[in-house]
Amino acid sequence: AFTYHNSFLIADRKEAWVLETSGKYWAAEKVEGGVRNISNQLS
């Protein structure tokens, strides 16, 4: 049994978002420029 909470990179032609979750709680960051990545930790 191995579970974890999820992170997402979400992009369209005009903007990008990072969405990260912990249980039902979440935070989202609008990417304003530069580079952005996600991995196996909250960022």
Full PDB file with SEQRES, HELIX, SHEET, SSBOND, CRYST1, ORIGX, SCALE, CONECT and MASTER records, all heavy atoms in Angstrom:
SEQRES   1 A   43  ALA PHE THR TYR HIS ASN SER PHE LEU ILE ALA ASP ARG          
SEQRES   2 A   43  LYS GLU ALA TRP VAL LEU GLU THR SER GLY LYS TYR TRP          
SEQRES   3 A   43  ALA ALA GLU LYS VAL GLU GLY GLY VAL ARG ASN ILE SER          
SEQRES   4 A   43  ASN GLN LEU SER                                              
SHEET    1 AA1 3 SER A   7  ALA A  11  0                                        
SHEET    2 AA1 3 ALA A  16  SER A  22 -1                                        
SHEET    3 AA1 3 TYR A  25  VAL A  31 -1                                        
CRYST1    1.000    1.000    1.000  90.00  90.00  90.00 P 1           1          
ORIGX1      1.000000  0.000000  0.000000        0.00000                         
ORIGX2      0.000000  1.000000  0.000000        0.00000                         
ORIGX3      0.000000  0.000000  1.000000        0.00000                         
SCALE1      1.000000  0.000000  0.000000        0.00000                         
SCALE2      0.000000  1.000000  0.000000        0.00000                         
SCALE3      0.000000  0.000000  1.000000        0.00000                         
ATOM      1  N   ALA A   1       0.851  -1.189   0.000  1.00  0.00           N  
ATOM      2  CA  ALA A   1       0.000   0.000   0.000  1.00  0.00           C  
ATOM      3  C   ALA A   1       0.890   1.245   0.000  1.00  0.00           C  
ATOM      4  O   ALA A   1       1.694   1.435   0.912  1.00  0.00           O  
ATOM      5  CB  ALA A   1      -0.914  -0.002   1.207  1.00  0.00           C  
ATOM      6  N   PHE A   2       0.768   2.049  -1.007  1.00  0.00           N  
ATOM      7  CA  PHE A   2       1.543   3.285  -1.105  1.00  0.00           C  
ATOM      8  C   PHE A   2       0.679   4.329  -1.796  1.00  0.00           C  
ATOM      9  O   PHE A   2       0.281   4.145  -2.944  1.00  0.00           O  
ATOM     10  CB  PHE A   2       2.839   3.050  -1.888  1.00  0.00           C  
ATOM     11  CG  PHE A   2       3.673   4.299  -2.035  1.00  0.00           C  
ATOM     12  CD1 PHE A   2       4.351   4.831  -0.951  1.00  0.00           C  
ATOM     13  CD2 PHE A   2       3.756   4.944  -3.256  1.00  0.00           C  
ATOM     14  CE1 PHE A   2       5.109   5.982  -1.080  1.00  0.00           C  
ATOM     15  CE2 PHE A   2       4.517   6.096  -3.396  1.00  0.00           C  
ATOM     16  CZ  PHE A   2       5.196   6.620  -2.300  1.00  0.00           C  
ATOM     17  N   THR A   3       0.360   5.389  -1.080  1.00  0.00           N  
ATOM     18  CA  THR A   3      -0.448   6.466  -1.646  1.00  0.00           C  
ATOM     19  C   THR A   3       0.287   7.781  -1.439  1.00  0.00           C  
ATOM     20  O   THR A   3       1.178   7.885  -0.593  1.00  0.00           O  
ATOM     21  CB  THR A   3      -1.833   6.541  -0.970  1.00  0.00           C  
ATOM     22  OG1 THR A   3      -1.643   6.829   0.415  1.00  0.00           O  
ATOM     23  CG2 THR A   3      -2.602   5.243  -1.123  1.00  0.00           C  
ATOM     24  N   TYR A   4      -0.092   8.775  -2.181  1.00  0.00           N  
ATOM     25  CA  TYR A   4       0.471  10.106  -1.987  1.00  0.00           C  
ATOM     26  C   TYR A   4      -0.510  11.141  -2.516  1.00  0.00           C  
ATOM     27  O   TYR A   4      -1.484  10.815  -3.172  1.00  0.00           O  
ATOM     28  CB  TYR A   4       1.844  10.258  -2.654  1.00  0.00           C  
ATOM     29  CG  TYR A   4       1.845  10.067  -4.158  1.00  0.00           C  
ATOM     30  CD1 TYR A   4       1.599  11.129  -5.012  1.00  0.00           C  
ATOM     31  CD2 TYR A   4       2.107   8.826  -4.723  1.00  0.00           C  
ATOM     32  CE1 TYR A   4       1.607  10.955  -6.387  1.00  0.00           C  
ATOM     33  CE2 TYR A   4       2.113   8.643  -6.084  1.00  0.00           C  
ATOM     34  CZ  TYR A   4       1.857   9.717  -6.913  1.00  0.00           C  
ATOM     35  OH  TYR A   4       1.860   9.542  -8.265  1.00  0.00           O  
ATOM     36  N   HIS A   5      -0.227  12.386  -2.196  1.00  0.00           N  
ATOM     37  CA  HIS A   5      -1.052  13.490  -2.659  1.00  0.00           C  
ATOM     38  C   HIS A   5      -0.454  14.004  -3.958  1.00  0.00           C  
ATOM     39  O   HIS A   5       0.691  13.732  -4.278  1.00  0.00           O  
ATOM     40  CB  HIS A   5      -1.137  14.552  -1.581  1.00  0.00           C  
ATOM     41  CG  HIS A   5      -1.639  13.978  -0.294  1.00  0.00           C  
ATOM     42  ND1 HIS A   5      -2.950  13.663  -0.085  1.00  0.00           N  
ATOM     43  CD2 HIS A   5      -0.989  13.599   0.827  1.00  0.00           C  
ATOM     44  CE1 HIS A   5      -3.099  13.139   1.115  1.00  0.00           C  
ATOM     45  NE2 HIS A   5      -1.920  13.077   1.690  1.00  0.00           N  
ATOM     46  N   ASN A   6      -1.220  14.751  -4.706  1.00  0.00           N  
ATOM     47  CA  ASN A   6      -0.823  15.057  -6.074  1.00  0.00           C  
ATOM     48  C   ASN A   6      -0.496  16.515  -6.318  1.00  0.00           C  
ATOM     49  O   ASN A   6      -1.012  17.407  -5.652  1.00  0.00           O  
ATOM     50  CB  ASN A   6      -1.946  14.624  -7.026  1.00  0.00           C  
ATOM     51  CG  ASN A   6      -2.084  13.124  -7.056  1.00  0.00           C  
ATOM     52  OD1 ASN A   6      -1.287  12.453  -7.664  1.00  0.00           O  
ATOM     53  ND2 ASN A   6      -3.069  12.601  -6.348  1.00  0.00           N  
ATOM     54  N   SER A   7       0.353  16.722  -7.304  1.00  0.00           N  
ATOM     55  CA  SER A   7       0.701  18.040  -7.816  1.00  0.00           C  
ATOM     56  C   SER A   7       0.458  18.031  -9.310  1.00  0.00           C  
ATOM     57  O   SER A   7       0.592  16.996  -9.966  1.00  0.00           O  
ATOM     58  CB  SER A   7       2.174  18.356  -7.549  1.00  0.00           C  
ATOM     59  OG  SER A   7       2.428  18.423  -6.170  1.00  0.00           O  
ATOM     60  N   PHE A   8       0.118  19.191  -9.844  1.00  0.00           N  
ATOM     61  CA  PHE A   8      -0.212  19.296 -11.261  1.00  0.00           C  
ATOM     62  C   PHE A   8       0.417  20.549 -11.859  1.00  0.00           C  
ATOM     63  O   PHE A   8       0.406  21.609 -11.234  1.00  0.00           O  
ATOM     64  CB  PHE A   8      -1.736  19.422 -11.452  1.00  0.00           C  
ATOM     65  CG  PHE A   8      -2.531  18.321 -10.815  1.00  0.00           C  
ATOM     66  CD1 PHE A   8      -2.950  18.414  -9.502  1.00  0.00           C  
ATOM     67  CD2 PHE A   8      -2.860  17.186 -11.536  1.00  0.00           C  
ATOM     68  CE1 PHE A   8      -3.687  17.397  -8.905  1.00  0.00           C  
ATOM     69  CE2 PHE A   8      -3.600  16.160 -10.958  1.00  0.00           C  
ATOM     70  CZ  PHE A   8      -4.016  16.269  -9.637  1.00  0.00           C  
ATOM     71  N   LEU A   9       0.948  20.419 -13.069  1.00  0.00           N  
ATOM     72  CA  LEU A   9       1.293  21.565 -13.911  1.00  0.00           C  
ATOM     73  C   LEU A   9       0.162  21.674 -14.924  1.00  0.00           C  
ATOM     74  O   LEU A   9      -0.107  20.715 -15.652  1.00  0.00           O  
ATOM     75  CB  LEU A   9       2.607  21.329 -14.658  1.00  0.00           C  
ATOM     76  CG  LEU A   9       3.892  21.463 -13.867  1.00  0.00           C  
ATOM     77  CD1 LEU A   9       5.075  20.970 -14.710  1.00  0.00           C  
ATOM     78  CD2 LEU A   9       4.119  22.899 -13.454  1.00  0.00           C  
ATOM     79  N   ILE A  10      -0.488  22.824 -14.982  1.00  0.00           N  
ATOM     80  CA  ILE A  10      -1.648  23.003 -15.851  1.00  0.00           C  
ATOM     81  C   ILE A  10      -1.389  24.232 -16.706  1.00  0.00           C  
ATOM     82  O   ILE A  10      -1.147  25.322 -16.178  1.00  0.00           O  
ATOM     83  CB  ILE A  10      -2.930  23.201 -15.012  1.00  0.00           C  
ATOM     84  CG1 ILE A  10      -3.084  22.047 -14.017  1.00  0.00           C  
ATOM     85  CG2 ILE A  10      -4.138  23.328 -15.917  1.00  0.00           C  
ATOM     86  CD1 ILE A  10      -4.096  22.310 -12.929  1.00  0.00           C  
ATOM     87  N   ALA A  11      -1.419  24.053 -18.034  1.00  0.00           N  
ATOM     88  CA  ALA A  11      -1.090  25.173 -18.910  1.00  0.00           C  
ATOM     89  C   ALA A  11      -2.032  25.238 -20.106  1.00  0.00           C  
ATOM     90  O   ALA A  11      -2.532  24.215 -20.573  1.00  0.00           O  
ATOM     91  CB  ALA A  11       0.352  25.054 -19.403  1.00  0.00           C  
ATOM     92  N   ASP A  12      -2.250  26.450 -20.582  1.00  0.00           N  
ATOM     93  CA  ASP A  12      -2.913  26.660 -21.863  1.00  0.00           C  
ATOM     94  C   ASP A  12      -2.032  27.618 -22.654  1.00  0.00           C  
ATOM     95  O   ASP A  12      -0.885  27.852 -22.282  1.00  0.00           O  
ATOM     96  CB  ASP A  12      -4.354  27.165 -21.677  1.00  0.00           C  
ATOM     97  CG  ASP A  12      -4.455  28.515 -20.960  1.00  0.00           C  
ATOM     98  OD1 ASP A  12      -3.538  29.353 -21.100  1.00  0.00           O  
ATOM     99  OD2 ASP A  12      -5.470  28.736 -20.267  1.00  0.00           O  
ATOM    100  N   ARG A  13      -2.530  28.159 -23.720  1.00  0.00           N  
ATOM    101  CA  ARG A  13      -1.709  29.046 -24.563  1.00  0.00           C  
ATOM    102  C   ARG A  13      -1.350  30.358 -23.877  1.00  0.00           C  
ATOM    103  O   ARG A  13      -0.394  31.021 -24.277  1.00  0.00           O  
ATOM    104  CB  ARG A  13      -2.447  29.363 -25.859  1.00  0.00           C  
ATOM    105  CG  ARG A  13      -2.603  28.196 -26.800  1.00  0.00           C  
ATOM    106  CD  ARG A  13      -3.423  28.640 -28.019  1.00  0.00           C  
ATOM    107  NE  ARG A  13      -3.734  27.548 -28.910  1.00  0.00           N  
ATOM    108  CZ  ARG A  13      -3.045  27.273 -30.008  1.00  0.00           C  
ATOM    109  NH1 ARG A  13      -1.990  27.988 -30.333  1.00  0.00           N  
ATOM    110  NH2 ARG A  13      -3.408  26.274 -30.779  1.00  0.00           N  
ATOM    111  N   LYS A  14      -2.105  30.761 -22.870  1.00  0.00           N  
ATOM    112  CA  LYS A  14      -1.913  32.085 -22.266  1.00  0.00           C  
ATOM    113  C   LYS A  14      -1.340  32.066 -20.861  1.00  0.00           C  
ATOM    114  O   LYS A  14      -0.736  33.040 -20.429  1.00  0.00           O  
ATOM    115  CB  LYS A  14      -3.237  32.841 -22.261  1.00  0.00           C  
ATOM    116  CG  LYS A  14      -3.736  33.136 -23.654  1.00  0.00           C  
ATOM    117  CD  LYS A  14      -5.008  33.931 -23.623  1.00  0.00           C  
ATOM    118  CE  LYS A  14      -5.457  34.182 -25.056  1.00  0.00           C  
ATOM    119  NZ  LYS A  14      -6.761  34.745 -25.146  1.00  0.00           N  
ATOM    120  N   GLU A  15      -1.581  30.985 -20.115  1.00  0.00           N  
ATOM    121  CA  GLU A  15      -1.108  30.981 -18.732  1.00  0.00           C  
ATOM    122  C   GLU A  15      -0.852  29.567 -18.237  1.00  0.00           C  
ATOM    123  O   GLU A  15      -1.280  28.594 -18.853  1.00  0.00           O  
ATOM    124  CB  GLU A  15      -2.102  31.689 -17.810  1.00  0.00           C  
ATOM    125  CG  GLU A  15      -3.434  31.004 -17.708  1.00  0.00           C  
ATOM    126  CD  GLU A  15      -4.438  31.778 -16.855  1.00  0.00           C  
ATOM    127  OE1 GLU A  15      -4.202  32.962 -16.559  1.00  0.00           O  
ATOM    128  OE2 GLU A  15      -5.455  31.193 -16.487  1.00  0.00           O  
ATOM    129  N   ALA A  16      -0.153  29.505 -17.104  1.00  0.00           N  
ATOM    130  CA  ALA A  16       0.151  28.213 -16.481  1.00  0.00           C  
ATOM    131  C   ALA A  16      -0.055  28.327 -14.981  1.00  0.00           C  
ATOM    132  O   ALA A  16       0.139  29.400 -14.387  1.00  0.00           O  
ATOM    133  CB  ALA A  16       1.586  27.801 -16.795  1.00  0.00           C  
ATOM    134  N   TRP A  17      -0.434  27.207 -14.391  1.00  0.00           N  
ATOM    135  CA  TRP A  17      -0.672  27.115 -12.957  1.00  0.00           C  
ATOM    136  C   TRP A  17       0.017  25.873 -12.397  1.00  0.00           C  
ATOM    137  O   TRP A  17       0.139  24.870 -13.090  1.00  0.00           O  
ATOM    138  CB  TRP A  17      -2.170  26.985 -12.668  1.00  0.00           C  
ATOM    139  CG  TRP A  17      -2.941  28.247 -12.904  1.00  0.00           C  
ATOM    140  CD1 TRP A  17      -3.354  28.740 -14.106  1.00  0.00           C  
ATOM    141  CD2 TRP A  17      -3.382  29.174 -11.916  1.00  0.00           C  
ATOM    142  NE1 TRP A  17      -4.032  29.914 -13.918  1.00  0.00           N  
ATOM    143  CE2 TRP A  17      -4.069  30.212 -12.589  1.00  0.00           C  
ATOM    144  CE3 TRP A  17      -3.269  29.215 -10.531  1.00  0.00           C  
ATOM    145  CZ2 TRP A  17      -4.632  31.279 -11.915  1.00  0.00           C  
ATOM    146  CZ3 TRP A  17      -3.834  30.290  -9.854  1.00  0.00           C  
ATOM    147  CH2 TRP A  17      -4.508  31.311 -10.544  1.00  0.00           C  
ATOM    148  N   VAL A  18       0.418  25.962 -11.137  1.00  0.00           N  
ATOM    149  CA  VAL A  18       0.839  24.802 -10.368  1.00  0.00           C  
ATOM    150  C   VAL A  18      -0.235  24.619  -9.304  1.00  0.00           C  
ATOM    151  O   VAL A  18      -0.599  25.563  -8.603  1.00  0.00           O  
ATOM    152  CB  VAL A  18       2.221  25.010  -9.706  1.00  0.00           C  
ATOM    153  CG1 VAL A  18       2.553  23.856  -8.776  1.00  0.00           C  
ATOM    154  CG2 VAL A  18       3.292  25.180 -10.766  1.00  0.00           C  
ATOM    155  N   LEU A  19      -0.758  23.410  -9.209  1.00  0.00           N  
ATOM    156  CA  LEU A  19      -1.749  23.063  -8.190  1.00  0.00           C  
ATOM    157  C   LEU A  19      -1.164  21.935  -7.357  1.00  0.00           C  
ATOM    158  O   LEU A  19      -0.723  20.921  -7.909  1.00  0.00           O  
ATOM    159  CB  LEU A  19      -3.057  22.607  -8.852  1.00  0.00           C  
ATOM    160  CG  LEU A  19      -4.108  21.993  -7.928  1.00  0.00           C  
ATOM    161  CD1 LEU A  19      -4.605  22.999  -6.890  1.00  0.00           C  
ATOM    162  CD2 LEU A  19      -5.264  21.430  -8.749  1.00  0.00           C  
ATOM    163  N   GLU A  20      -1.122  22.120  -6.044  1.00  0.00           N  
ATOM    164  CA  GLU A  20      -0.601  21.086  -5.155  1.00  0.00           C  
ATOM    165  C   GLU A  20      -1.623  20.798  -4.069  1.00  0.00           C  
ATOM    166  O   GLU A  20      -2.318  21.703  -3.595  1.00  0.00           O  
ATOM    167  CB  GLU A  20       0.739  21.516  -4.555  1.00  0.00           C  
ATOM    168  CG  GLU A  20       1.794  21.648  -5.634  1.00  0.00           C  
ATOM    169  CD  GLU A  20       3.168  21.984  -5.133  1.00  0.00           C  
ATOM    170  OE1 GLU A  20       3.309  22.609  -4.059  1.00  0.00           O  
ATOM    171  OE2 GLU A  20       4.128  21.623  -5.822  1.00  0.00           O  
ATOM    172  N   THR A  21      -1.701  19.521  -3.680  1.00  0.00           N  
ATOM    173  CA  THR A  21      -2.742  19.088  -2.766  1.00  0.00           C  
ATOM    174  C   THR A  21      -2.172  18.370  -1.550  1.00  0.00           C  
ATOM    175  O   THR A  21      -1.094  17.789  -1.607  1.00  0.00           O  
ATOM    176  CB  THR A  21      -3.720  18.141  -3.479  1.00  0.00           C  
ATOM    177  OG1 THR A  21      -3.046  16.927  -3.811  1.00  0.00           O  
ATOM    178  CG2 THR A  21      -4.279  18.761  -4.749  1.00  0.00           C  
ATOM    179  N   SER A  22      -2.933  18.424  -0.481  1.00  0.00           N  
ATOM    180  CA  SER A  22      -2.642  17.666   0.731  1.00  0.00           C  
ATOM    181  C   SER A  22      -3.990  17.276   1.316  1.00  0.00           C  
ATOM    182  O   SER A  22      -4.683  18.110   1.898  1.00  0.00           O  
ATOM    183  CB  SER A  22      -1.850  18.517   1.717  1.00  0.00           C  
ATOM    184  OG  SER A  22      -1.597  17.784   2.901  1.00  0.00           O  
ATOM    185  N   GLY A  23      -4.381  16.018   1.088  1.00  0.00           N  
ATOM    186  CA  GLY A  23      -5.734  15.617   1.452  1.00  0.00           C  
ATOM    187  C   GLY A  23      -6.717  16.417   0.630  1.00  0.00           C  
ATOM    188  O   GLY A  23      -6.569  16.557  -0.578  1.00  0.00           O  
ATOM    189  N   LYS A  24      -7.699  17.030   1.286  1.00  0.00           N  
ATOM    190  CA  LYS A  24      -8.649  17.861   0.548  1.00  0.00           C  
ATOM    191  C   LYS A  24      -8.179  19.310   0.437  1.00  0.00           C  
ATOM    192  O   LYS A  24      -8.790  20.120  -0.242  1.00  0.00           O  
ATOM    193  CB  LYS A  24     -10.027  17.807   1.202  1.00  0.00           C  
ATOM    194  CG  LYS A  24     -10.163  18.572   2.497  1.00  0.00           C  
ATOM    195  CD  LYS A  24     -11.597  18.577   2.970  1.00  0.00           C  
ATOM    196  CE  LYS A  24     -11.786  19.528   4.139  1.00  0.00           C  
ATOM    197  NZ  LYS A  24     -13.186  19.670   4.518  1.00  0.00           N  
ATOM    198  N   TYR A  25      -7.082  19.622   1.096  1.00  0.00           N  
ATOM    199  CA  TYR A  25      -6.569  20.993   1.091  1.00  0.00           C  
ATOM    200  C   TYR A  25      -5.630  21.192  -0.093  1.00  0.00           C  
ATOM    201  O   TYR A  25      -4.968  20.268  -0.546  1.00  0.00           O  
ATOM    202  CB  TYR A  25      -5.887  21.300   2.422  1.00  0.00           C  
ATOM    203  CG  TYR A  25      -6.869  21.157   3.558  1.00  0.00           C  
ATOM    204  CD1 TYR A  25      -6.920  19.992   4.299  1.00  0.00           C  
ATOM    205  CD2 TYR A  25      -7.786  22.159   3.827  1.00  0.00           C  
ATOM    206  CE1 TYR A  25      -7.856  19.824   5.304  1.00  0.00           C  
ATOM    207  CE2 TYR A  25      -8.727  22.011   4.826  1.00  0.00           C  
ATOM    208  CZ  TYR A  25      -8.766  20.843   5.564  1.00  0.00           C  
ATOM    209  OH  TYR A  25      -9.702  20.677   6.540  1.00  0.00           O  
ATOM    210  N   TRP A  26      -5.576  22.420  -0.593  1.00  0.00           N  
ATOM    211  CA  TRP A  26      -4.797  22.677  -1.792  1.00  0.00           C  
ATOM    212  C   TRP A  26      -4.367  24.137  -1.857  1.00  0.00           C  
ATOM    213  O   TRP A  26      -4.949  25.005  -1.198  1.00  0.00           O  
ATOM    214  CB  TRP A  26      -5.604  22.314  -3.045  1.00  0.00           C  
ATOM    215  CG  TRP A  26      -6.939  23.019  -3.118  1.00  0.00           C  
ATOM    216  CD1 TRP A  26      -8.123  22.583  -2.587  1.00  0.00           C  
ATOM    217  CD2 TRP A  26      -7.213  24.281  -3.719  1.00  0.00           C  
ATOM    218  NE1 TRP A  26      -9.121  23.497  -2.838  1.00  0.00           N  
ATOM    219  CE2 TRP A  26      -8.589  24.548  -3.540  1.00  0.00           C  
ATOM    220  CE3 TRP A  26      -6.440  25.214  -4.408  1.00  0.00           C  
ATOM    221  CZ2 TRP A  26      -9.207  25.712  -4.005  1.00  0.00           C  
ATOM    222  CZ3 TRP A  26      -7.049  26.375  -4.877  1.00  0.00           C  
ATOM    223  CH2 TRP A  26      -8.419  26.614  -4.676  1.00  0.00           C  
ATOM    224  N   ALA A  27      -3.339  24.372  -2.653  1.00  0.00           N  
ATOM    225  CA  ALA A  27      -2.872  25.723  -2.966  1.00  0.00           C  
ATOM    226  C   ALA A  27      -2.519  25.743  -4.447  1.00  0.00           C  
ATOM    227  O   ALA A  27      -2.070  24.739  -5.000  1.00  0.00           O  
ATOM    228  CB  ALA A  27      -1.650  26.087  -2.119  1.00  0.00           C  
ATOM    229  N   ALA A  28      -2.754  26.888  -5.075  1.00  0.00           N  
ATOM    230  CA  ALA A  28      -2.446  27.046  -6.499  1.00  0.00           C  
ATOM    231  C   ALA A  28      -1.635  28.317  -6.705  1.00  0.00           C  
ATOM    232  O   ALA A  28      -1.900  29.344  -6.078  1.00  0.00           O  
ATOM    233  CB  ALA A  28      -3.729  27.086  -7.324  1.00  0.00           C  
ATOM    234  N   GLU A  29      -0.655  28.202  -7.570  1.00  0.00           N  
ATOM    235  CA  GLU A  29       0.230  29.324  -7.896  1.00  0.00           C  
ATOM    236  C   GLU A  29       0.159  29.587  -9.394  1.00  0.00           C  
ATOM    237  O   GLU A  29       0.372  28.667 -10.193  1.00  0.00           O  
ATOM    238  CB  GLU A  29       1.663  28.972  -7.500  1.00  0.00           C  
ATOM    239  CG  GLU A  29       2.697  29.973  -7.948  1.00  0.00           C  
ATOM    240  CD  GLU A  29       4.116  29.455  -7.761  1.00  0.00           C  
ATOM    241  OE1 GLU A  29       4.341  28.529  -6.963  1.00  0.00           O  
ATOM    242  OE2 GLU A  29       5.005  29.978  -8.448  1.00  0.00           O  
ATOM    243  N   LYS A  30      -0.132  30.820  -9.762  1.00  0.00           N  
ATOM    244  CA  LYS A  30      -0.085  31.199 -11.175  1.00  0.00           C  
ATOM    245  C   LYS A  30       1.375  31.441 -11.531  1.00  0.00           C  
ATOM    246  O   LYS A  30       2.078  32.192 -10.848  1.00  0.00           O  
ATOM    247  CB  LYS A  30      -0.921  32.450 -11.436  1.00  0.00           C  
ATOM    248  CG  LYS A  30      -1.012  32.807 -12.894  1.00  0.00           C  
ATOM    249  CD  LYS A  30      -1.944  33.984 -13.108  1.00  0.00           C  
ATOM    250  CE  LYS A  30      -2.041  34.295 -14.597  1.00  0.00           C  
ATOM    251  NZ  LYS A  30      -2.927  35.442 -14.827  1.00  0.00           N  
ATOM    252  N   VAL A  31       1.831  30.804 -12.594  1.00  0.00           N  
ATOM    253  CA  VAL A  31       3.223  30.964 -13.021  1.00  0.00           C  
ATOM    254  C   VAL A  31       3.318  32.292 -13.766  1.00  0.00           C  
ATOM    255  O   VAL A  31       2.635  32.495 -14.766  1.00  0.00           O  
ATOM    256  CB  VAL A  31       3.670  29.784 -13.913  1.00  0.00           C  
ATOM    257  CG1 VAL A  31       5.103  29.978 -14.377  1.00  0.00           C  
ATOM    258  CG2 VAL A  31       3.507  28.468 -13.170  1.00  0.00           C  
ATOM    259  N   GLU A  32       4.149  33.176 -13.267  1.00  0.00           N  
ATOM    260  CA  GLU A  32       4.239  34.524 -13.824  1.00  0.00           C  
ATOM    261  C   GLU A  32       5.383  34.696 -14.817  1.00  0.00           C  
ATOM    262  O   GLU A  32       5.479  35.703 -15.480  1.00  0.00           O  
ATOM    263  CB  GLU A  32       4.388  35.549 -12.698  1.00  0.00           C  
ATOM    264  CG  GLU A  32       3.248  35.533 -11.698  1.00  0.00           C  
ATOM    265  CD  GLU A  32       1.934  36.070 -12.243  1.00  0.00           C  
ATOM    266  OE1 GLU A  32       1.912  36.688 -13.323  1.00  0.00           O  
ATOM    267  OE2 GLU A  32       0.908  35.857 -11.574  1.00  0.00           O  
ATOM    268  N   GLY A  33       6.270  33.723 -14.909  1.00  0.00           N  
ATOM    269  CA  GLY A  33       7.394  33.841 -15.834  1.00  0.00           C  
ATOM    270  C   GLY A  33       8.521  32.935 -15.397  1.00  0.00           C  
ATOM    271  O   GLY A  33       8.440  32.252 -14.375  1.00  0.00           O  
ATOM    272  N   GLY A  34       9.560  32.913 -16.192  1.00  0.00           N  
ATOM    273  CA  GLY A  34      10.709  32.076 -15.857  1.00  0.00           C  
ATOM    274  C   GLY A  34      10.412  30.610 -16.087  1.00  0.00           C  
ATOM    275  O   GLY A  34       9.683  30.253 -17.002  1.00  0.00           O  
ATOM    276  N   VAL A  35      10.959  29.755 -15.244  1.00  0.00           N  
ATOM    277  CA  VAL A  35      10.734  28.321 -15.343  1.00  0.00           C  
ATOM    278  C   VAL A  35      10.107  27.842 -14.040  1.00  0.00           C  
ATOM    279  O   VAL A  35      10.297  28.440 -12.990  1.00  0.00           O  
ATOM    280  CB  VAL A  35      12.035  27.543 -15.623  1.00  0.00           C  
ATOM    281  CG1 VAL A  35      12.620  27.927 -16.974  1.00  0.00           C  
ATOM    282  CG2 VAL A  35      13.066  27.751 -14.531  1.00  0.00           C  
ATOM    283  N   ARG A  36       9.364  26.751 -14.141  1.00  0.00           N  
ATOM    284  CA  ARG A  36       8.700  26.195 -12.951  1.00  0.00           C  
ATOM    285  C   ARG A  36       8.601  24.701 -13.120  1.00  0.00           C  
ATOM    286  O   ARG A  36       8.330  24.203 -14.214  1.00  0.00           O  
ATOM    287  CB  ARG A  36       7.309  26.818 -12.815  1.00  0.00           C  
ATOM    288  CG  ARG A  36       6.575  26.479 -11.542  1.00  0.00           C  
ATOM    289  CD  ARG A  36       7.295  27.077 -10.317  1.00  0.00           C  
ATOM    290  NE  ARG A  36       6.459  27.000  -9.135  1.00  0.00           N  
ATOM    291  CZ  ARG A  36       6.341  25.902  -8.384  1.00  0.00           C  
ATOM    292  NH1 ARG A  36       6.990  24.794  -8.687  1.00  0.00           N  
ATOM    293  NH2 ARG A  36       5.562  25.906  -7.329  1.00  0.00           N  
ATOM    294  N   ASN A  37       8.846  23.957 -12.064  1.00  0.00           N  
ATOM    295  CA  ASN A  37       8.732  22.507 -12.107  1.00  0.00           C  
ATOM    296  C   ASN A  37       8.063  21.997 -10.853  1.00  0.00           C  
ATOM    297  O   ASN A  37       7.926  22.722  -9.864  1.00  0.00           O  
ATOM    298  CB  ASN A  37      10.095  21.842 -12.319  1.00  0.00           C  
ATOM    299  CG  ASN A  37      11.049  22.043 -11.166  1.00  0.00           C  
ATOM    300  OD1 ASN A  37      11.194  23.135 -10.637  1.00  0.00           O  
ATOM    301  ND2 ASN A  37      11.733  20.990 -10.762  1.00  0.00           N  
ATOM    302  N   ILE A  38       7.624  20.748 -10.921  1.00  0.00           N  
ATOM    303  CA  ILE A  38       7.091  20.057  -9.754  1.00  0.00           C  
ATOM    304  C   ILE A  38       7.783  18.707  -9.695  1.00  0.00           C  
ATOM    305  O   ILE A  38       8.378  18.260 -10.669  1.00  0.00           O  
ATOM    306  CB  ILE A  38       5.560  19.875  -9.814  1.00  0.00           C  
ATOM    307  CG1 ILE A  38       5.132  19.052 -11.040  1.00  0.00           C  
ATOM    308  CG2 ILE A  38       4.863  21.222  -9.765  1.00  0.00           C  
ATOM    309  CD1 ILE A  38       3.656  18.708 -11.085  1.00  0.00           C  
ATOM    310  N   SER A  39       7.713  18.076  -8.543  1.00  0.00           N  
ATOM    311  CA  SER A  39       8.262  16.732  -8.419  1.00  0.00           C  
ATOM    312  C   SER A  39       7.545  16.034  -7.286  1.00  0.00           C  
ATOM    313  O   SER A  39       6.368  16.276  -7.054  1.00  0.00           O  
ATOM    314  CB  SER A  39       9.771  16.776  -8.201  1.00  0.00           C  
ATOM    315  OG  SER A  39      10.306  15.473  -8.288  1.00  0.00           O  
ATOM    316  N   ASN A  40       8.271  15.233  -6.540  1.00  0.00           N  
ATOM    317  CA  ASN A  40       7.657  14.421  -5.505  1.00  0.00           C  
ATOM    318  C   ASN A  40       7.688  15.113  -4.138  1.00  0.00           C  
ATOM    319  O   ASN A  40       7.969  14.492  -3.133  1.00  0.00           O  
ATOM    320  CB  ASN A  40       8.336  13.054  -5.444  1.00  0.00           C  
ATOM    321  CG  ASN A  40       9.833  13.173  -5.371  1.00  0.00           C  
ATOM    322  OD1 ASN A  40      10.405  14.229  -5.638  1.00  0.00           O  
ATOM    323  ND2 ASN A  40      10.493  12.101  -5.004  1.00  0.00           N  
ATOM    324  N   GLN A  41       7.406  16.384  -4.120  1.00  0.00           N  
ATOM    325  CA  GLN A  41       7.307  17.145  -2.875  1.00  0.00           C  
ATOM    326  C   GLN A  41       6.488  18.394  -3.156  1.00  0.00           C  
ATOM    327  O   GLN A  41       6.338  18.786  -4.313  1.00  0.00           O  
ATOM    328  CB  GLN A  41       8.691  17.543  -2.373  1.00  0.00           C  
ATOM    329  CG  GLN A  41       9.415  18.504  -3.308  1.00  0.00           C  
ATOM    330  CD  GLN A  41      10.839  18.760  -2.890  1.00  0.00           C  
ATOM    331  OE1 GLN A  41      11.593  17.834  -2.657  1.00  0.00           O  
ATOM    332  NE2 GLN A  41      11.222  20.019  -2.804  1.00  0.00           N  
ATOM    333  N   LEU A  42       5.946  19.000  -2.119  1.00  0.00           N  
ATOM    334  CA  LEU A  42       5.240  20.264  -2.301  1.00  0.00           C  
ATOM    335  C   LEU A  42       6.260  21.346  -2.600  1.00  0.00           C  
ATOM    336  O   LEU A  42       7.349  21.366  -2.032  1.00  0.00           O  
ATOM    337  CB  LEU A  42       4.450  20.611  -1.035  1.00  0.00           C  
ATOM    338  CG  LEU A  42       3.332  19.645  -0.670  1.00  0.00           C  
ATOM    339  CD1 LEU A  42       2.675  20.059   0.646  1.00  0.00           C  
ATOM    340  CD2 LEU A  42       2.301  19.537  -1.774  1.00  0.00           C  
ATOM    341  N   SER A  43       5.907  22.263  -3.500  1.00  0.00           N  
ATOM    342  CA  SER A  43       6.857  23.312  -3.883  1.00  0.00           C  
ATOM    343  C   SER A  43       6.267  24.712  -3.832  1.00  0.00           C  
ATOM    344  O   SER A  43       6.988  25.686  -3.992  1.00  0.00           O  
ATOM    345  CB  SER A  43       7.404  23.035  -5.282  1.00  0.00           C  
ATOM    346  OG  SER A  43       6.358  23.074  -6.239  1.00  0.00           O  
TER     347      SER A  43                                                      
MASTER        0    0    0    0    3    0    0    6  346    1    0    4          
END                                                                             
